[in-house]
Amino acid sequence: MAERLSGHTLLVSLIATPIRHSLSPKMHNEAYAKLGLDYAYLAFEVGQEELADAVQGIRALGIRGSNVSMPNKQAIIPLLDEIDPVVELTGAVNTVVNVDGTGHLKGYCTDGTGAVRALAAEGVEVKDQIITIAGAGGAGSAIEAQLAIDGAKEIRIFNIDDRCWQNAVDMAEKINAKTSAKATVHHLENTEEFYASIAESSIYIDATGVGMKPLQDQKLINDPAVIRDDLVVFDVVYSPAETELLKFAREHGAKKAINGIGMMLYQGAEAFKLHTGHDMPVDYIRDTFFSDAN
């Protein structure tokens, strides 16, 4: 990396806490090197107490942009000058662009775009489809918003009665008011209704985190009759690459059982394009970091 740095190097940051575990710096810096771009990507431990100063630092230092993760995705919105329409639906930002280095900061949410692009890469289109999705946290809300914007016919949101239940209700209201999609909210505890919804859907998306540590031995679908060969099963978890849900779906005939690696890559690629104007070499990054995980 050192040979790429110069007095003209543009900095892109990642602000969150905890964040030192993130693979994003390796991915983005590898992509810069592959394309010969004079950029550097660094992670900074920033919580809500430091957030306002960090955002001002992006302006003052001419940082090209930043990715944003928890606990800052919602808190950063009032500190920005402009937000993308998707953010108006999701209420969360994961990418900030310093527009032309002027200090005008615009917020985007690329998580949902990453999910839709990952599905499209597998030949799955969301337009005019009935989709059941479990989960209404950060990832789920972003995906739900993007599905609506991209023309899904119905989005049936299932969530347990926890702190994210109101997120689901609010998201459905926004989708119904601002898009042509029909969104409804249902209790995930109602297994009969959950399974019946999947039976009427062409795509099932698990955005709950069930299947990753410490819930790596669990899955939300336990009846083989729910799985059809034409049902697309998409799990946003990417570690492990094969969750119990995906294993179960494949064993019982699902032809498309997709993990979250593509979503993670494509949301990063969307941010990469916003920051640099260049397309991330997604296949190269996938082969470099995830060759054994597909």
C-alpha atoms as a PDB file:
ATOM      1  CA  MET A   1       0.000   0.000   0.000  1.00  0.00           C
ATOM      2  CA  ALA A   2       2.826   2.411   0.811  1.00  0.00           C
ATOM      3  CA  GLU A   3       3.895   2.774  -2.810  1.00  0.00           C
ATOM      4  CA  ARG A   4       0.388   3.967  -3.697  1.00  0.00           C
ATOM      5  CA  LEU A   5       0.263   6.763  -1.132  1.00  0.00           C
ATOM      6  CA  SER A   6       1.096  10.283  -2.224  1.00  0.00           C
ATOM      7  CA  GLY A   7       0.379  13.881  -1.395  1.00  0.00           C
ATOM      8  CA  HIS A   8      -2.760  13.518  -3.491  1.00  0.00           C
ATOM      9  CA  THR A   9      -4.129  10.391  -1.811  1.00  0.00           C
ATOM     10  CA  LEU A  10      -7.827  10.669  -1.008  1.00  0.00           C
ATOM     11  CA  LEU A  11      -9.026   9.203   2.282  1.00  0.00           C
ATOM     12  CA  VAL A  12     -12.221   7.224   2.835  1.00  0.00           C
ATOM     13  CA  SER A  13     -13.127   6.341   6.411  1.00  0.00           C
ATOM     14  CA  LEU A  14     -15.219   3.837   8.311  1.00  0.00           C
ATOM     15  CA  ILE A  15     -16.700   5.133  11.563  1.00  0.00           C
ATOM     16  CA  ALA A  16     -18.276   2.780  14.098  1.00  0.00           C
ATOM     17  CA  THR A  17     -17.566   0.981  17.332  1.00  0.00           C
ATOM     18  CA  PRO A  18     -16.461  -1.732  17.692  1.00  0.00           C
ATOM     19  CA  ILE A  19     -14.961  -1.798  14.209  1.00  0.00           C
ATOM     20  CA  ARG A  20     -11.396  -3.174  14.244  1.00  0.00           C
ATOM     21  CA  HIS A  21     -12.729  -6.584  13.203  1.00  0.00           C
ATOM     22  CA  SER A  22     -14.163  -5.251   9.943  1.00  0.00           C
ATOM     23  CA  LEU A  23     -13.053  -6.703   6.618  1.00  0.00           C
ATOM     24  CA  SER A  24     -14.033  -3.498   4.790  1.00  0.00           C
ATOM     25  CA  PRO A  25     -10.588  -1.811   4.938  1.00  0.00           C
ATOM     26  CA  LYS A  26      -8.916  -4.853   3.370  1.00  0.00           C
ATOM     27  CA  MET A  27     -11.583  -5.124   0.685  1.00  0.00           C
ATOM     28  CA  HIS A  28     -11.580  -1.466  -0.311  1.00  0.00           C
ATOM     29  CA  ASN A  29      -7.810  -1.047  -0.196  1.00  0.00           C
ATOM     30  CA  GLU A  30      -7.370  -4.201  -2.269  1.00  0.00           C
ATOM     31  CA  ALA A  31      -9.845  -2.822  -4.804  1.00  0.00           C
ATOM     32  CA  TYR A  32      -8.024   0.537  -4.922  1.00  0.00           C
ATOM     33  CA  ALA A  33      -4.744  -1.264  -5.558  1.00  0.00           C
ATOM     34  CA  LYS A  34      -6.274  -3.453  -8.257  1.00  0.00           C
ATOM     35  CA  LEU A  35      -7.584  -0.392 -10.112  1.00  0.00           C
ATOM     36  CA  GLY A  36      -4.542   1.784  -9.405  1.00  0.00           C
ATOM     37  CA  LEU A  37      -6.591   4.406  -7.548  1.00  0.00           C
ATOM     38  CA  ASP A  38      -4.871   6.896  -5.261  1.00  0.00           C
ATOM     39  CA  TYR A  39      -7.184   6.248  -2.309  1.00  0.00           C
ATOM     40  CA  ALA A  40      -6.790   4.841   1.184  1.00  0.00           C
ATOM     41  CA  TYR A  41      -9.502   3.386   3.433  1.00  0.00           C
ATOM     42  CA  LEU A  42      -9.124   3.480   7.221  1.00  0.00           C
ATOM     43  CA  ALA A  43     -11.311   2.416  10.130  1.00  0.00           C
ATOM     44  CA  PHE A  44     -11.861   4.701  13.132  1.00  0.00           C
ATOM     45  CA  GLU A  45     -13.436   3.787  16.466  1.00  0.00           C
ATOM     46  CA  VAL A  46     -16.204   6.376  16.691  1.00  0.00           C
ATOM     47  CA  GLY A  47     -19.274   6.190  18.897  1.00  0.00           C
ATOM     48  CA  GLN A  48     -22.125   8.620  19.259  1.00  0.00           C
ATOM     49  CA  GLU A  49     -20.213  10.815  21.708  1.00  0.00           C
ATOM     50  CA  GLU A  50     -17.501  11.474  19.119  1.00  0.00           C
ATOM     51  CA  LEU A  51     -19.757  11.413  16.074  1.00  0.00           C
ATOM     52  CA  ALA A  52     -20.374  15.150  15.624  1.00  0.00           C
ATOM     53  CA  ASP A  53     -16.639  15.873  15.804  1.00  0.00           C
ATOM     54  CA  ALA A  54     -15.910  13.038  13.379  1.00  0.00           C
ATOM     55  CA  VAL A  55     -18.428  14.369  10.854  1.00  0.00           C
ATOM     56  CA  GLN A  56     -16.937  17.827  11.130  1.00  0.00           C
ATOM     57  CA  GLY A  57     -13.532  16.212  10.594  1.00  0.00           C
ATOM     58  CA  ILE A  58     -14.761  14.711   7.315  1.00  0.00           C
ATOM     59  CA  ARG A  59     -15.639  18.229   6.172  1.00  0.00           C
ATOM     60  CA  ALA A  60     -12.529  19.940   7.555  1.00  0.00           C
ATOM     61  CA  LEU A  61     -10.025  17.386   6.242  1.00  0.00           C
ATOM     62  CA  GLY A  62     -11.675  16.895   2.871  1.00  0.00           C
ATOM     63  CA  ILE A  63     -12.166  13.177   3.490  1.00  0.00           C
ATOM     64  CA  ARG A  64     -13.808  11.850   0.334  1.00  0.00           C
ATOM     65  CA  GLY A  65     -16.477   9.969   2.227  1.00  0.00           C
ATOM     66  CA  SER A  66     -17.154   7.455   4.928  1.00  0.00           C
ATOM     67  CA  ASN A  67     -18.909   4.232   5.620  1.00  0.00           C
ATOM     68  CA  VAL A  68     -20.975   4.167   8.783  1.00  0.00           C
ATOM     69  CA  SER A  69     -21.938   1.285  11.020  1.00  0.00           C
ATOM     70  CA  MET A  70     -23.475   0.833  14.448  1.00  0.00           C
ATOM     71  CA  PRO A  71     -24.141   2.700  16.630  1.00  0.00           C
ATOM     72  CA  ASN A  72     -24.040   5.662  14.235  1.00  0.00           C
ATOM     73  CA  LYS A  73     -26.371   4.764  11.362  1.00  0.00           C
ATOM     74  CA  GLN A  74     -29.330   6.726  12.698  1.00  0.00           C
ATOM     75  CA  ALA A  75     -27.497   9.303  14.792  1.00  0.00           C
ATOM     76  CA  ILE A  76     -25.525  10.647  11.836  1.00  0.00           C
ATOM     77  CA  ILE A  77     -28.578  11.723   9.822  1.00  0.00           C
ATOM     78  CA  PRO A  78     -29.169  15.149  11.457  1.00  0.00           C
ATOM     79  CA  LEU A  79     -25.458  15.922  11.032  1.00  0.00           C
ATOM     80  CA  LEU A  80     -25.644  15.622   7.242  1.00  0.00           C
ATOM     81  CA  ASP A  81     -26.645  18.190   4.633  1.00  0.00           C
ATOM     82  CA  GLU A  82     -28.680  15.870   2.413  1.00  0.00           C
ATOM     83  CA  ILE A  83     -29.995  12.311   2.370  1.00  0.00           C
ATOM     84  CA  ASP A  84     -30.934   9.932  -0.411  1.00  0.00           C
ATOM     85  CA  PRO A  85     -34.640   8.927  -0.792  1.00  0.00           C
ATOM     86  CA  VAL A  86     -33.828   5.402   0.399  1.00  0.00           C
ATOM     87  CA  VAL A  87     -32.591   6.859   3.691  1.00  0.00           C
ATOM     88  CA  GLU A  88     -35.942   8.625   4.096  1.00  0.00           C
ATOM     89  CA  LEU A  89     -37.524   5.166   4.156  1.00  0.00           C
ATOM     90  CA  THR A  90     -34.909   3.279   6.161  1.00  0.00           C
ATOM     91  CA  GLY A  91     -33.990   5.985   8.646  1.00  0.00           C
ATOM     92  CA  ALA A  92     -30.394   4.791   8.502  1.00  0.00           C
ATOM     93  CA  VAL A  93     -27.189   5.761   6.694  1.00  0.00           C
ATOM     94  CA  ASN A  94     -24.258   3.462   5.947  1.00  0.00           C
ATOM     95  CA  THR A  95     -22.444   5.603   3.373  1.00  0.00           C
ATOM     96  CA  VAL A  96     -21.583   9.306   3.402  1.00  0.00           C
ATOM     97  CA  VAL A  97     -20.246  11.157   0.373  1.00  0.00           C
ATOM     98  CA  ASN A  98     -18.369  14.455   0.608  1.00  0.00           C
ATOM     99  CA  VAL A  99     -19.760  15.799  -2.652  1.00  0.00           C
ATOM    100  CA  ASP A 100     -16.838  16.923  -4.842  1.00  0.00           C
ATOM    101  CA  GLY A 101     -14.844  17.507  -1.662  1.00  0.00           C
ATOM    102  CA  THR A 102     -16.892  20.644  -0.942  1.00  0.00           C
ATOM    103  CA  GLY A 103     -17.925  19.698   2.579  1.00  0.00           C
ATOM    104  CA  HIS A 104     -21.521  19.062   1.485  1.00  0.00           C
ATOM    105  CA  LEU A 105     -22.258  15.657   2.995  1.00  0.00           C
ATOM    106  CA  LYS A 106     -24.916  13.375   1.531  1.00  0.00           C
ATOM    107  CA  GLY A 107     -26.046  10.159   3.185  1.00  0.00           C
ATOM    108  CA  TYR A 108     -26.967   6.923   1.438  1.00  0.00           C
ATOM    109  CA  CYS A 109     -28.016   3.431   2.465  1.00  0.00           C
ATOM    110  CA  THR A 110     -26.493   0.745   0.234  1.00  0.00           C
ATOM    111  CA  ASP A 111     -27.431  -2.353   2.269  1.00  0.00           C
ATOM    112  CA  GLY A 112     -30.707  -2.890   0.444  1.00  0.00           C
ATOM    113  CA  THR A 113     -29.152  -2.273  -2.949  1.00  0.00           C
ATOM    114  CA  GLY A 114     -26.517  -4.843  -2.093  1.00  0.00           C
ATOM    115  CA  ALA A 115     -29.194  -7.433  -1.348  1.00  0.00           C
ATOM    116  CA  VAL A 116     -31.137  -6.765  -4.547  1.00  0.00           C
ATOM    117  CA  ARG A 117     -27.950  -6.886  -6.621  1.00  0.00           C
ATOM    118  CA  ALA A 118     -26.961 -10.165  -4.954  1.00  0.00           C
ATOM    119  CA  LEU A 119     -30.332 -11.646  -5.902  1.00  0.00           C
ATOM    120  CA  ALA A 120     -30.059 -10.298  -9.454  1.00  0.00           C
ATOM    121  CA  ALA A 121     -26.613 -11.895  -9.788  1.00  0.00           C
ATOM    122  CA  GLU A 122     -28.340 -15.232  -9.149  1.00  0.00           C
ATOM    123  CA  GLY A 123     -31.002 -14.507 -11.759  1.00  0.00           C
ATOM    124  CA  VAL A 124     -33.649 -13.472  -9.230  1.00  0.00           C
ATOM    125  CA  GLU A 125     -35.707 -10.331  -9.877  1.00  0.00           C
ATOM    126  CA  VAL A 126     -37.831  -8.711  -7.167  1.00  0.00           C
ATOM    127  CA  LYS A 127     -40.157  -6.658  -9.358  1.00  0.00           C
ATOM    128  CA  ASP A 128     -43.824  -7.726  -9.106  1.00  0.00           C
ATOM    129  CA  GLN A 129     -42.966 -10.497  -6.637  1.00  0.00           C
ATOM    130  CA  ILE A 130     -44.544 -11.417  -3.313  1.00  0.00           C
ATOM    131  CA  ILE A 131     -41.727 -11.562  -0.780  1.00  0.00           C
ATOM    132  CA  THR A 132     -41.718 -12.736   2.820  1.00  0.00           C
ATOM    133  CA  ILE A 133     -38.944 -11.319   4.972  1.00  0.00           C
ATOM    134  CA  ALA A 134     -38.111 -12.083   8.592  1.00  0.00           C
ATOM    135  CA  GLY A 135     -36.423  -9.309  10.552  1.00  0.00           C
ATOM    136  CA  ALA A 136     -36.847  -5.552  10.861  1.00  0.00           C
ATOM    137  CA  GLY A 137     -33.500  -4.455  12.219  1.00  0.00           C
ATOM    138  CA  GLY A 138     -30.970  -2.414  10.275  1.00  0.00           C
ATOM    139  CA  ALA A 139     -30.398  -4.934   7.488  1.00  0.00           C
ATOM    140  CA  GLY A 140     -34.042  -5.943   7.271  1.00  0.00           C
ATOM    141  CA  SER A 141     -35.309  -2.367   7.086  1.00  0.00           C
ATOM    142  CA  ALA A 142     -32.827  -1.477   4.352  1.00  0.00           C
ATOM    143  CA  ILE A 143     -33.796  -4.515   2.297  1.00  0.00           C
ATOM    144  CA  GLU A 144     -37.520  -3.875   2.770  1.00  0.00           C
ATOM    145  CA  ALA A 145     -37.154  -0.294   1.577  1.00  0.00           C
ATOM    146  CA  GLN A 146     -35.140  -1.287  -1.477  1.00  0.00           C
ATOM    147  CA  LEU A 147     -37.548  -4.086  -2.392  1.00  0.00           C
ATOM    148  CA  ALA A 148     -40.372  -1.539  -2.384  1.00  0.00           C
ATOM    149  CA  ILE A 149     -38.418   0.995  -4.437  1.00  0.00           C
ATOM    150  CA  ASP A 150     -37.482  -1.705  -6.943  1.00  0.00           C
ATOM    151  CA  GLY A 151     -41.090  -2.678  -7.539  1.00  0.00           C
ATOM    152  CA  ALA A 152     -41.920  -5.656  -5.335  1.00  0.00           C
ATOM    153  CA  LYS A 153     -45.670  -6.350  -5.349  1.00  0.00           C
ATOM    154  CA  GLU A 154     -46.024  -7.355  -1.693  1.00  0.00           C
ATOM    155  CA  ILE A 155     -43.583  -7.299   1.208  1.00  0.00           C
ATOM    156  CA  ARG A 156     -44.698  -9.317   4.201  1.00  0.00           C
ATOM    157  CA  ILE A 157     -42.564  -8.410   7.212  1.00  0.00           C
ATOM    158  CA  PHE A 158     -42.357 -10.892  10.092  1.00  0.00           C
ATOM    159  CA  ASN A 159     -40.716  -9.948  13.387  1.00  0.00           C
ATOM    160  CA  ILE A 160     -40.839 -11.073  16.980  1.00  0.00           C
ATOM    161  CA  ASP A 161     -42.354  -8.708  19.531  1.00  0.00           C
ATOM    162  CA  ASP A 162     -39.090  -7.024  20.450  1.00  0.00           C
ATOM    163  CA  ARG A 163     -37.535  -3.563  20.079  1.00  0.00           C
ATOM    164  CA  CYS A 164     -37.615  -3.904  16.283  1.00  0.00           C
ATOM    165  CA  TRP A 165     -41.368  -4.507  16.107  1.00  0.00           C
ATOM    166  CA  GLN A 166     -42.064  -0.781  15.861  1.00  0.00           C
ATOM    167  CA  ASN A 167     -39.402  -0.550  13.129  1.00  0.00           C
ATOM    168  CA  ALA A 168     -41.448  -3.040  11.132  1.00  0.00           C
ATOM    169  CA  VAL A 169     -44.669  -1.087  11.669  1.00  0.00           C
ATOM    170  CA  ASP A 170     -43.038   2.213  10.739  1.00  0.00           C
ATOM    171  CA  MET A 171     -41.399   0.713   7.649  1.00  0.00           C
ATOM    172  CA  ALA A 172     -44.672  -0.748   6.407  1.00  0.00           C
ATOM    173  CA  GLU A 173     -46.401   2.593   6.841  1.00  0.00           C
ATOM    174  CA  LYS A 174     -43.690   4.396   4.866  1.00  0.00           C
ATOM    175  CA  ILE A 175     -43.672   1.800   2.093  1.00  0.00           C
ATOM    176  CA  ASN A 176     -47.460   1.970   1.737  1.00  0.00           C
ATOM    177  CA  ALA A 177     -47.444   5.764   1.723  1.00  0.00           C
ATOM    178  CA  LYS A 178     -44.473   6.388  -0.558  1.00  0.00           C
ATOM    179  CA  THR A 179     -44.264   3.430  -2.961  1.00  0.00           C
ATOM    180  CA  SER A 180     -46.559   1.232  -5.021  1.00  0.00           C
ATOM    181  CA  ALA A 181     -45.689  -1.857  -2.974  1.00  0.00           C
ATOM    182  CA  LYS A 182     -48.031  -3.272  -0.348  1.00  0.00           C
ATOM    183  CA  ALA A 183     -46.358  -3.926   2.987  1.00  0.00           C
ATOM    184  CA  THR A 184     -47.833  -5.773   5.949  1.00  0.00           C
ATOM    185  CA  VAL A 185     -46.463  -6.677   9.379  1.00  0.00           C
ATOM    186  CA  HIS A 186     -46.934 -10.025  11.108  1.00  0.00           C
ATOM    187  CA  HIS A 187     -45.819 -11.755  14.293  1.00  0.00           C
ATOM    188  CA  LEU A 188     -43.000 -14.205  13.663  1.00  0.00           C
ATOM    189  CA  GLU A 189     -44.202 -16.181  16.666  1.00  0.00           C
ATOM    190  CA  ASN A 190     -47.250 -17.179  14.583  1.00  0.00           C
ATOM    191  CA  THR A 191     -45.597 -20.087  12.777  1.00  0.00           C
ATOM    192  CA  GLU A 192     -48.749 -21.062  10.878  1.00  0.00           C
ATOM    193  CA  GLU A 193     -49.138 -17.592   9.387  1.00  0.00           C
ATOM    194  CA  PHE A 194     -45.388 -17.395   8.697  1.00  0.00           C
ATOM    195  CA  TYR A 195     -45.371 -20.671   6.763  1.00  0.00           C
ATOM    196  CA  ALA A 196     -48.566 -19.752   4.903  1.00  0.00           C
ATOM    197  CA  SER A 197     -47.005 -16.484   3.763  1.00  0.00           C
ATOM    198  CA  ILE A 198     -43.900 -18.252   2.472  1.00  0.00           C
ATOM    199  CA  ALA A 199     -46.148 -20.672   0.555  1.00  0.00           C
ATOM    200  CA  GLU A 200     -47.576 -17.678  -1.340  1.00  0.00           C
ATOM    201  CA  SER A 201     -44.189 -16.024  -1.887  1.00  0.00           C
ATOM    202  CA  SER A 202     -41.570 -16.507  -4.583  1.00  0.00           C
ATOM    203  CA  ILE A 203     -38.748 -15.243  -2.334  1.00  0.00           C
ATOM    204  CA  TYR A 204     -38.065 -15.747   1.366  1.00  0.00           C
ATOM    205  CA  ILE A 205     -35.441 -13.533   2.997  1.00  0.00           C
ATOM    206  CA  ASP A 206     -34.043 -14.144   6.482  1.00  0.00           C
ATOM    207  CA  ALA A 207     -32.649 -10.877   7.830  1.00  0.00           C
ATOM    208  CA  THR A 208     -32.714 -11.845  11.510  1.00  0.00           C
ATOM    209  CA  GLY A 209     -29.163 -13.001  12.179  1.00  0.00           C
ATOM    210  CA  VAL A 210     -30.428 -16.439  13.230  1.00  0.00           C
ATOM    211  CA  GLY A 211     -27.798 -18.823  11.887  1.00  0.00           C
ATOM    212  CA  MET A 212     -24.772 -16.786  12.916  1.00  0.00           C
ATOM    213  CA  LYS A 213     -23.024 -16.970  16.285  1.00  0.00           C
ATOM    214  CA  PRO A 214     -24.318 -17.518  18.903  1.00  0.00           C
ATOM    215  CA  LEU A 215     -27.401 -18.844  17.041  1.00  0.00           C
ATOM    216  CA  GLN A 216     -25.462 -20.821  14.435  1.00  0.00           C
ATOM    217  CA  ASP A 217     -27.346 -24.054  15.193  1.00  0.00           C
ATOM    218  CA  GLN A 218     -30.795 -22.529  14.721  1.00  0.00           C
ATOM    219  CA  LYS A 219     -33.152 -21.756  11.824  1.00  0.00           C
ATOM    220  CA  LEU A 220     -36.623 -20.266  11.519  1.00  0.00           C
ATOM    221  CA  ILE A 221     -37.993 -22.842   9.070  1.00  0.00           C
ATOM    222  CA  ASN A 222     -38.180 -26.363  10.443  1.00  0.00           C
ATOM    223  CA  ASP A 223     -40.907 -27.968   8.316  1.00  0.00           C
ATOM    224  CA  PRO A 224     -39.632 -29.509   5.052  1.00  0.00           C
ATOM    225  CA  ALA A 225     -43.042 -28.923   3.467  1.00  0.00           C
ATOM    226  CA  VAL A 226     -42.353 -25.181   3.459  1.00  0.00           C
ATOM    227  CA  ILE A 227     -39.443 -25.610   1.033  1.00  0.00           C
ATOM    228  CA  ARG A 228     -40.326 -25.735  -2.686  1.00  0.00           C
ATOM    229  CA  ASP A 229     -37.973 -26.156  -5.610  1.00  0.00           C
ATOM    230  CA  ASP A 230     -39.065 -22.762  -6.988  1.00  0.00           C
ATOM    231  CA  LEU A 231     -38.747 -20.927  -3.657  1.00  0.00           C
ATOM    232  CA  VAL A 232     -35.737 -18.612  -3.502  1.00  0.00           C
ATOM    233  CA  VAL A 233     -34.226 -18.696  -0.016  1.00  0.00           C
ATOM    234  CA  PHE A 234     -31.883 -15.807   0.808  1.00  0.00           C
ATOM    235  CA  ASP A 235     -30.065 -15.580   4.150  1.00  0.00           C
ATOM    236  CA  VAL A 236     -28.238 -12.311   4.850  1.00  0.00           C
ATOM    237  CA  VAL A 237     -25.738 -14.135   7.094  1.00  0.00           C
ATOM    238  CA  TYR A 238     -22.384 -14.696   5.373  1.00  0.00           C
ATOM    239  CA  SER A 239     -20.427 -16.328   8.193  1.00  0.00           C
ATOM    240  CA  PRO A 240     -20.947 -19.251   8.210  1.00  0.00           C
ATOM    241  CA  ALA A 241     -21.364 -19.374   4.455  1.00  0.00           C
ATOM    242  CA  GLU A 242     -23.900 -22.178   4.807  1.00  0.00           C
ATOM    243  CA  THR A 243     -26.310 -21.534   7.638  1.00  0.00           C
ATOM    244  CA  GLU A 244     -28.644 -24.181   8.990  1.00  0.00           C
ATOM    245  CA  LEU A 245     -31.441 -22.553   6.984  1.00  0.00           C
ATOM    246  CA  LEU A 246     -29.558 -22.788   3.693  1.00  0.00           C
ATOM    247  CA  LYS A 247     -28.471 -26.347   4.402  1.00  0.00           C
ATOM    248  CA  PHE A 248     -32.072 -27.305   5.213  1.00  0.00           C
ATOM    249  CA  ALA A 249     -33.388 -25.558   2.093  1.00  0.00           C
ATOM    250  CA  ARG A 250     -30.899 -27.306  -0.198  1.00  0.00           C
ATOM    251  CA  GLU A 251     -31.532 -30.693   1.379  1.00  0.00           C
ATOM    252  CA  HIS A 252     -35.253 -30.311   0.739  1.00  0.00           C
ATOM    253  CA  GLY A 253     -35.120 -29.221  -2.868  1.00  0.00           C
ATOM    254  CA  ALA A 254     -34.660 -25.463  -3.076  1.00  0.00           C
ATOM    255  CA  LYS A 255     -32.773 -24.732  -6.292  1.00  0.00           C
ATOM    256  CA  LYS A 256     -31.684 -21.277  -5.153  1.00  0.00           C
ATOM    257  CA  ALA A 257     -30.402 -20.982  -1.575  1.00  0.00           C
ATOM    258  CA  ILE A 258     -28.260 -17.849  -1.383  1.00  0.00           C
ATOM    259  CA  ASN A 259     -26.007 -16.642   1.442  1.00  0.00           C
ATOM    260  CA  GLY A 260     -25.156 -13.063   2.420  1.00  0.00           C
ATOM    261  CA  ILE A 261     -21.701 -12.860   0.843  1.00  0.00           C
ATOM    262  CA  GLY A 262     -23.073 -11.265  -2.309  1.00  0.00           C
ATOM    263  CA  MET A 263     -25.047  -8.713  -0.313  1.00  0.00           C
ATOM    264  CA  MET A 264     -21.966  -7.774   1.688  1.00  0.00           C
ATOM    265  CA  LEU A 265     -19.876  -7.444  -1.472  1.00  0.00           C
ATOM    266  CA  TYR A 266     -22.419  -5.479  -3.468  1.00  0.00           C
ATOM    267  CA  GLN A 267     -23.288  -3.030  -0.698  1.00  0.00           C
ATOM    268  CA  GLY A 268     -19.561  -2.353  -0.465  1.00  0.00           C
ATOM    269  CA  ALA A 269     -19.390  -2.015  -4.244  1.00  0.00           C
ATOM    270  CA  GLU A 270     -22.193   0.560  -4.190  1.00  0.00           C
ATOM    271  CA  ALA A 271     -20.314   2.595  -1.567  1.00  0.00           C
ATOM    272  CA  PHE A 272     -17.073   2.193  -3.543  1.00  0.00           C
ATOM    273  CA  LYS A 273     -18.750   3.634  -6.652  1.00  0.00           C
ATOM    274  CA  LEU A 274     -20.220   6.539  -4.690  1.00  0.00           C
ATOM    275  CA  HIS A 275     -16.814   7.407  -3.211  1.00  0.00           C
ATOM    276  CA  THR A 276     -14.583   6.904  -6.247  1.00  0.00           C
ATOM    277  CA  GLY A 277     -16.780   6.959  -9.340  1.00  0.00           C
ATOM    278  CA  HIS A 278     -15.330   3.560 -10.299  1.00  0.00           C
ATOM    279  CA  ASP A 279     -16.851   0.085 -10.243  1.00  0.00           C
ATOM    280  CA  MET A 280     -15.389  -2.177  -7.591  1.00  0.00           C
ATOM    281  CA  PRO A 281     -13.842  -5.329  -9.154  1.00  0.00           C
ATOM    282  CA  VAL A 282     -16.365  -7.517  -7.325  1.00  0.00           C
ATOM    283  CA  ASP A 283     -15.314 -10.836  -8.844  1.00  0.00           C
ATOM    284  CA  TYR A 284     -11.679 -10.158  -7.954  1.00  0.00           C
ATOM    285  CA  ILE A 285     -12.580  -9.220  -4.370  1.00  0.00           C
ATOM    286  CA  ARG A 286     -14.809 -12.281  -4.052  1.00  0.00           C
ATOM    287  CA  ASP A 287     -12.013 -14.561  -5.307  1.00  0.00           C
ATOM    288  CA  THR A 288      -9.449 -12.858  -3.058  1.00  0.00           C
ATOM    289  CA  PHE A 289     -11.389 -13.006   0.201  1.00  0.00           C
ATOM    290  CA  PHE A 290     -14.168 -15.540  -0.225  1.00  0.00           C
ATOM    291  CA  SER A 291     -12.939 -18.188  -2.659  1.00  0.00           C
ATOM    292  CA  ASP A 292     -13.645 -20.944  -0.114  1.00  0.00           C
ATOM    293  CA  ALA A 293     -16.968 -19.565   1.098  1.00  0.00           C
ATOM    294  CA  ASN A 294     -19.281 -19.821  -1.909  1.00  0.00           C
END
